Amino acid sequence: MKLTHLQRNVPQATAQMLESVTEVWSEWRRQKLPLYLFLGLCVNLIIAPAVFATTGGDLSRTQSYWLAALILLTVALAIYLFFVMFVPEKF
């Protein structure tokens, strides 16, 4: 997607930046993995304080975040394997 009508009114650097943003936006629509990773990190920000609170201070904050990420990864892997078992023709 070219921004030729905007390039006449703005400096070259700004036009290049707008074109780059437009390209990233169009790629984001096709590739879902970065979106899923971002959402997983956001869910981890919600789960990690709960893990930290339930340990009663036995784990550090960093360990709590990694434990929450491990829990999310385990659940995601279980869902993936469950899906592969029951719909193998897609893979």
C-alpha atoms as a PDB file:
ATOM      1  CA  MET A   1       0.000   0.000   0.000  1.00  0.00           C
ATOM      2  CA  LYS A   2       1.660   3.191  -1.168  1.00  0.00           C
ATOM      3  CA  LEU A   3       1.003   6.542   0.409  1.00  0.00           C
ATOM      4  CA  THR A   4       1.679   8.723  -2.610  1.00  0.00           C
ATOM      5  CA  HIS A   5      -0.982  11.302  -1.795  1.00  0.00           C
ATOM      6  CA  LEU A   6       0.550  11.864   1.656  1.00  0.00           C
ATOM      7  CA  GLN A   7       4.121  12.102   0.400  1.00  0.00           C
ATOM      8  CA  ARG A   8       3.481  15.467  -1.224  1.00  0.00           C
ATOM      9  CA  ASN A   9       2.474  17.115   2.052  1.00  0.00           C
ATOM     10  CA  VAL A  10       4.910  15.619   4.589  1.00  0.00           C
ATOM     11  CA  PRO A  11       8.707  15.326   4.765  1.00  0.00           C
ATOM     12  CA  GLN A  12      10.410  12.217   3.384  1.00  0.00           C
ATOM     13  CA  ALA A  13      11.226  10.698   6.803  1.00  0.00           C
ATOM     14  CA  THR A  14       7.621  11.002   7.980  1.00  0.00           C
ATOM     15  CA  ALA A  15       6.357   9.463   4.737  1.00  0.00           C
ATOM     16  CA  GLN A  16       8.719   6.514   5.173  1.00  0.00           C
ATOM     17  CA  MET A  17       7.566   6.070   8.750  1.00  0.00           C
ATOM     18  CA  LEU A  18       3.911   6.107   7.686  1.00  0.00           C
ATOM     19  CA  GLU A  19       4.639   3.560   4.968  1.00  0.00           C
ATOM     20  CA  SER A  20       6.432   1.325   7.475  1.00  0.00           C
ATOM     21  CA  VAL A  21       3.538   1.537   9.922  1.00  0.00           C
ATOM     22  CA  THR A  22       1.106   0.679   7.131  1.00  0.00           C
ATOM     23  CA  GLU A  23       3.212  -2.329   6.129  1.00  0.00           C
ATOM     24  CA  VAL A  24       3.399  -3.574   9.737  1.00  0.00           C
ATOM     25  CA  TRP A  25      -0.348  -3.131  10.096  1.00  0.00           C
ATOM     26  CA  SER A  26      -1.050  -5.191   6.971  1.00  0.00           C
ATOM     27  CA  GLU A  27       1.372  -7.930   8.071  1.00  0.00           C
ATOM     28  CA  TRP A  28      -0.296  -8.058  11.499  1.00  0.00           C
ATOM     29  CA  ARG A  29      -3.582  -8.945   9.850  1.00  0.00           C
ATOM     30  CA  ARG A  30      -2.000 -12.015   8.215  1.00  0.00           C
ATOM     31  CA  GLN A  31       0.283 -13.225  11.012  1.00  0.00           C
ATOM     32  CA  LYS A  32      -1.450 -14.066  14.270  1.00  0.00           C
ATOM     33  CA  LEU A  33       1.488 -15.460  16.274  1.00  0.00           C
ATOM     34  CA  PRO A  34       2.748 -12.064  17.555  1.00  0.00           C
ATOM     35  CA  LEU A  35      -0.792 -11.231  18.673  1.00  0.00           C
ATOM     36  CA  TYR A  36      -1.082 -14.547  20.514  1.00  0.00           C
ATOM     37  CA  LEU A  37       2.286 -14.018  22.197  1.00  0.00           C
ATOM     38  CA  PHE A  38       1.271 -10.538  23.292  1.00  0.00           C
ATOM     39  CA  LEU A  39      -2.019 -11.809  24.712  1.00  0.00           C
ATOM     40  CA  GLY A  40      -0.174 -14.615  26.510  1.00  0.00           C
ATOM     41  CA  LEU A  41       2.152 -12.092  28.132  1.00  0.00           C
ATOM     42  CA  CYS A  42      -0.823  -9.991  29.196  1.00  0.00           C
ATOM     43  CA  VAL A  43      -2.493 -13.020  30.770  1.00  0.00           C
ATOM     44  CA  ASN A  44       0.796 -13.777  32.504  1.00  0.00           C
ATOM     45  CA  LEU A  45       0.694 -10.294  34.050  1.00  0.00           C
ATOM     46  CA  ILE A  46      -2.667 -11.229  35.557  1.00  0.00           C
ATOM     47  CA  ILE A  47      -1.700 -14.727  36.742  1.00  0.00           C
ATOM     48  CA  ALA A  48       1.771 -14.013  38.157  1.00  0.00           C
ATOM     49  CA  PRO A  49       0.642 -11.823  41.099  1.00  0.00           C
ATOM     50  CA  ALA A  50      -1.852 -14.524  42.055  1.00  0.00           C
ATOM     51  CA  VAL A  51       0.938 -17.127  42.020  1.00  0.00           C
ATOM     52  CA  PHE A  52       3.136 -14.780  44.045  1.00  0.00           C
ATOM     53  CA  ALA A  53       0.363 -14.278  46.609  1.00  0.00           C
ATOM     54  CA  THR A  54      -0.426 -17.971  46.984  1.00  0.00           C
ATOM     55  CA  THR A  55       3.183 -18.949  47.665  1.00  0.00           C
ATOM     56  CA  GLY A  56       3.249 -16.766  50.750  1.00  0.00           C
ATOM     57  CA  GLY A  57       6.550 -15.136  49.895  1.00  0.00           C
ATOM     58  CA  ASP A  58       8.454 -18.413  49.430  1.00  0.00           C
ATOM     59  CA  LEU A  59       9.106 -17.581  45.771  1.00  0.00           C
ATOM     60  CA  SER A  60      10.571 -14.349  44.501  1.00  0.00           C
ATOM     61  CA  ARG A  61       8.627 -12.161  42.093  1.00  0.00           C
ATOM     62  CA  THR A  62      10.758 -13.320  39.154  1.00  0.00           C
ATOM     63  CA  GLN A  63      10.173 -16.964  40.012  1.00  0.00           C
ATOM     64  CA  SER A  64       6.445 -16.286  40.240  1.00  0.00           C
ATOM     65  CA  TYR A  65       6.377 -14.783  36.745  1.00  0.00           C
ATOM     66  CA  TRP A  66       8.303 -17.744  35.308  1.00  0.00           C
ATOM     67  CA  LEU A  67       6.045 -20.215  37.106  1.00  0.00           C
ATOM     68  CA  ALA A  68       2.975 -18.472  35.703  1.00  0.00           C
ATOM     69  CA  ALA A  69       4.530 -18.562  32.210  1.00  0.00           C
ATOM     70  CA  LEU A  70       5.224 -22.271  32.654  1.00  0.00           C
ATOM     71  CA  ILE A  71       1.604 -22.851  33.671  1.00  0.00           C
ATOM     72  CA  LEU A  72       0.368 -20.955  30.597  1.00  0.00           C
ATOM     73  CA  LEU A  73       2.729 -22.900  28.343  1.00  0.00           C
ATOM     74  CA  THR A  74       1.557 -26.208  29.812  1.00  0.00           C
ATOM     75  CA  VAL A  75      -2.102 -25.320  29.297  1.00  0.00           C
ATOM     76  CA  ALA A  76      -1.439 -24.140  25.730  1.00  0.00           C
ATOM     77  CA  LEU A  77       0.458 -27.337  24.924  1.00  0.00           C
ATOM     78  CA  ALA A  78      -2.327 -29.475  26.396  1.00  0.00           C
ATOM     79  CA  ILE A  79      -4.938 -27.665  24.289  1.00  0.00           C
ATOM     80  CA  TYR A  80      -2.793 -28.052  21.170  1.00  0.00           C
ATOM     81  CA  LEU A  81      -2.227 -31.770  21.734  1.00  0.00           C
ATOM     82  CA  PHE A  82      -5.912 -32.322  22.492  1.00  0.00           C
ATOM     83  CA  PHE A  83      -6.779 -30.591  19.211  1.00  0.00           C
ATOM     84  CA  VAL A  84      -4.186 -32.641  17.272  1.00  0.00           C
ATOM     85  CA  MET A  85      -5.564 -35.888  18.694  1.00  0.00           C
ATOM     86  CA  PHE A  86      -9.132 -35.230  17.617  1.00  0.00           C
ATOM     87  CA  VAL A  87      -8.531 -33.380  14.309  1.00  0.00           C
ATOM     88  CA  PRO A  88      -5.369 -35.001  12.889  1.00  0.00           C
ATOM     89  CA  GLU A  89      -6.271 -34.413   9.227  1.00  0.00           C
ATOM     90  CA  LYS A  90      -5.550 -30.689   9.593  1.00  0.00           C
ATOM     91  CA  PHE A  91      -1.957 -31.465  10.438  1.00  0.00           C
END
